[in-house]
């Protein structure tokens, strides 16, 4: 691991207990840590498709779109809640 692969808050150089460092892992070096920009953009497109399907009450298509978006960006909490609303609307409260 090289120093360029990790970023941290450089405002505190001390090792004083209680001081907090923010680590940001480079997704190219640590795959699986964070979605890439392309994955986030694809998830946003799929979320928009899901929102349109939800508004048209096509809940199965919305569930599919939100599920695909989650595969691209599992860190977006709105995708889970949107999909949950779809499951509730089709009467599958266990999945919701």
C-alpha atoms as a PDB file:
ATOM      1  CA  UNK A   1       0.000   0.000   0.000  1.00  0.00           C
ATOM      2  CA  UNK A   2       1.467   3.346  -0.963  1.00  0.00           C
ATOM      3  CA  UNK A   3       0.822   6.685   0.654  1.00  0.00           C
ATOM      4  CA  UNK A   4      -1.083   7.943  -2.410  1.00  0.00           C
ATOM      5  CA  UNK A   5      -3.770   5.312  -1.893  1.00  0.00           C
ATOM      6  CA  UNK A   6      -4.890   6.761   1.431  1.00  0.00           C
ATOM      7  CA  UNK A   7      -6.052  10.265   2.151  1.00  0.00           C
ATOM      8  CA  UNK A   8      -6.504  11.594   5.660  1.00  0.00           C
ATOM      9  CA  UNK A   9      -7.364  14.808   7.360  1.00  0.00           C
ATOM     10  CA  UNK A  10      -3.972  16.485   7.634  1.00  0.00           C
ATOM     11  CA  UNK A  11      -5.105  19.172  10.073  1.00  0.00           C
ATOM     12  CA  UNK A  12      -4.029  17.118  13.080  1.00  0.00           C
ATOM     13  CA  UNK A  13      -0.553  15.605  12.909  1.00  0.00           C
ATOM     14  CA  UNK A  14      -0.448  14.583  16.570  1.00  0.00           C
ATOM     15  CA  UNK A  15      -1.210  11.149  17.937  1.00  0.00           C
ATOM     16  CA  UNK A  16      -3.242  12.564  20.804  1.00  0.00           C
ATOM     17  CA  UNK A  17      -5.967  10.170  21.981  1.00  0.00           C
ATOM     18  CA  UNK A  18      -9.415  11.289  20.972  1.00  0.00           C
ATOM     19  CA  UNK A  19      -8.229  12.956  17.772  1.00  0.00           C
ATOM     20  CA  UNK A  20     -10.103  11.785  14.719  1.00  0.00           C
ATOM     21  CA  UNK A  21      -8.744  10.951  11.280  1.00  0.00           C
ATOM     22  CA  UNK A  22     -10.851  10.560   8.174  1.00  0.00           C
ATOM     23  CA  UNK A  23      -9.609   7.826   5.845  1.00  0.00           C
ATOM     24  CA  UNK A  24     -10.727   7.775   2.239  1.00  0.00           C
ATOM     25  CA  UNK A  25      -9.797   4.645   0.323  1.00  0.00           C
ATOM     26  CA  UNK A  26      -9.118   4.910  -3.389  1.00  0.00           C
ATOM     27  CA  UNK A  27     -11.679   2.627  -5.112  1.00  0.00           C
ATOM     28  CA  UNK A  28      -9.178   1.808  -7.865  1.00  0.00           C
ATOM     29  CA  UNK A  29      -6.734   0.373  -5.322  1.00  0.00           C
ATOM     30  CA  UNK A  30      -9.314  -0.990  -2.875  1.00  0.00           C
ATOM     31  CA  UNK A  31     -12.083  -2.365  -5.109  1.00  0.00           C
ATOM     32  CA  UNK A  32     -15.390  -2.818  -3.376  1.00  0.00           C
ATOM     33  CA  UNK A  33     -14.766  -0.042  -0.886  1.00  0.00           C
ATOM     34  CA  UNK A  34     -16.757   2.668  -2.673  1.00  0.00           C
ATOM     35  CA  UNK A  35     -18.677   2.764  -5.954  1.00  0.00           C
ATOM     36  CA  UNK A  36     -16.990   4.495  -8.867  1.00  0.00           C
ATOM     37  CA  UNK A  37     -18.364   7.700 -10.342  1.00  0.00           C
ATOM     38  CA  UNK A  38     -19.734   5.690 -13.282  1.00  0.00           C
ATOM     39  CA  UNK A  39     -21.509   3.292 -10.922  1.00  0.00           C
ATOM     40  CA  UNK A  40     -23.059   6.174  -8.980  1.00  0.00           C
ATOM     41  CA  UNK A  41     -24.235   7.801 -12.218  1.00  0.00           C
ATOM     42  CA  UNK A  42     -25.721   4.512 -13.453  1.00  0.00           C
ATOM     43  CA  UNK A  43     -27.488   4.050 -10.108  1.00  0.00           C
ATOM     44  CA  UNK A  44     -28.938   7.563 -10.404  1.00  0.00           C
ATOM     45  CA  UNK A  45     -30.247   6.793 -13.911  1.00  0.00           C
ATOM     46  CA  UNK A  46     -31.822   3.568 -12.666  1.00  0.00           C
ATOM     47  CA  UNK A  47     -33.338   5.374  -9.679  1.00  0.00           C
ATOM     48  CA  UNK A  48     -34.903   7.914 -12.057  1.00  0.00           C
ATOM     49  CA  UNK A  49     -36.351   5.043 -14.123  1.00  0.00           C
ATOM     50  CA  UNK A  50     -37.678   3.475 -10.939  1.00  0.00           C
ATOM     51  CA  UNK A  51     -39.274   6.743  -9.877  1.00  0.00           C
ATOM     52  CA  UNK A  52     -41.070   7.037 -13.217  1.00  0.00           C
ATOM     53  CA  UNK A  53     -42.288   3.434 -12.969  1.00  0.00           C
ATOM     54  CA  UNK A  54     -43.470   4.063  -9.402  1.00  0.00           C
ATOM     55  CA  UNK A  55     -45.428   7.147 -10.468  1.00  0.00           C
ATOM     56  CA  UNK A  56     -47.071   5.057 -13.210  1.00  0.00           C
ATOM     57  CA  UNK A  57     -47.865   2.401 -10.573  1.00  0.00           C
ATOM     58  CA  UNK A  58     -45.730  -0.152 -12.407  1.00  0.00           C
ATOM     59  CA  UNK A  59     -44.340  -1.456  -9.139  1.00  0.00           C
ATOM     60  CA  UNK A  60     -42.675  -4.579 -10.542  1.00  0.00           C
ATOM     61  CA  UNK A  61     -40.628  -2.486 -12.984  1.00  0.00           C
ATOM     62  CA  UNK A  62     -39.802  -0.019 -10.206  1.00  0.00           C
ATOM     63  CA  UNK A  63     -38.623  -2.875  -7.958  1.00  0.00           C
ATOM     64  CA  UNK A  64     -36.415  -4.130 -10.770  1.00  0.00           C
ATOM     65  CA  UNK A  65     -34.938  -0.668 -11.437  1.00  0.00           C
ATOM     66  CA  UNK A  66     -34.265   0.040  -7.763  1.00  0.00           C
ATOM     67  CA  UNK A  67     -32.733  -3.424  -7.286  1.00  0.00           C
ATOM     68  CA  UNK A  68     -30.408  -2.886 -10.246  1.00  0.00           C
ATOM     69  CA  UNK A  69     -29.457   0.536  -8.894  1.00  0.00           C
ATOM     70  CA  UNK A  70     -28.607  -1.016  -5.515  1.00  0.00           C
ATOM     71  CA  UNK A  71     -26.169  -3.358  -7.260  1.00  0.00           C
ATOM     72  CA  UNK A  72     -24.365  -0.305  -8.657  1.00  0.00           C
ATOM     73  CA  UNK A  73     -24.432   1.751  -5.450  1.00  0.00           C
ATOM     74  CA  UNK A  74     -25.324  -0.200  -2.304  1.00  0.00           C
ATOM     75  CA  UNK A  75     -24.557   2.857  -0.157  1.00  0.00           C
ATOM     76  CA  UNK A  76     -27.534   4.925  -1.389  1.00  0.00           C
ATOM     77  CA  UNK A  77     -30.166   4.540   1.327  1.00  0.00           C
ATOM     78  CA  UNK A  78     -32.899   6.095  -0.817  1.00  0.00           C
ATOM     79  CA  UNK A  79     -32.800   3.132  -3.171  1.00  0.00           C
ATOM     80  CA  UNK A  80     -33.684   0.755  -0.351  1.00  0.00           C
ATOM     81  CA  UNK A  81     -36.544   2.896   0.925  1.00  0.00           C
ATOM     82  CA  UNK A  82     -37.928   3.403  -2.598  1.00  0.00           C
ATOM     83  CA  UNK A  83     -37.822  -0.325  -3.260  1.00  0.00           C
ATOM     84  CA  UNK A  84     -39.443  -0.962   0.115  1.00  0.00           C
ATOM     85  CA  UNK A  85     -42.331   1.346  -0.821  1.00  0.00           C
ATOM     86  CA  UNK A  86     -42.819  -0.659  -4.014  1.00  0.00           C
ATOM     87  CA  UNK A  87     -42.891  -3.944  -2.129  1.00  0.00           C
ATOM     88  CA  UNK A  88     -45.474  -2.488   0.267  1.00  0.00           C
ATOM     89  CA  UNK A  89     -47.638  -1.340  -2.652  1.00  0.00           C
ATOM     90  CA  UNK A  90     -47.723  -4.842  -4.152  1.00  0.00           C
ATOM     91  CA  UNK A  91     -48.688  -6.241  -0.745  1.00  0.00           C
ATOM     92  CA  UNK A  92     -45.410  -8.015  -0.038  1.00  0.00           C
ATOM     93  CA  UNK A  93     -44.803  -6.544   3.398  1.00  0.00           C
ATOM     94  CA  UNK A  94     -42.202  -9.160   4.284  1.00  0.00           C
ATOM     95  CA  UNK A  95     -39.890  -7.861   1.540  1.00  0.00           C
ATOM     96  CA  UNK A  96     -40.704  -4.273   2.415  1.00  0.00           C
END
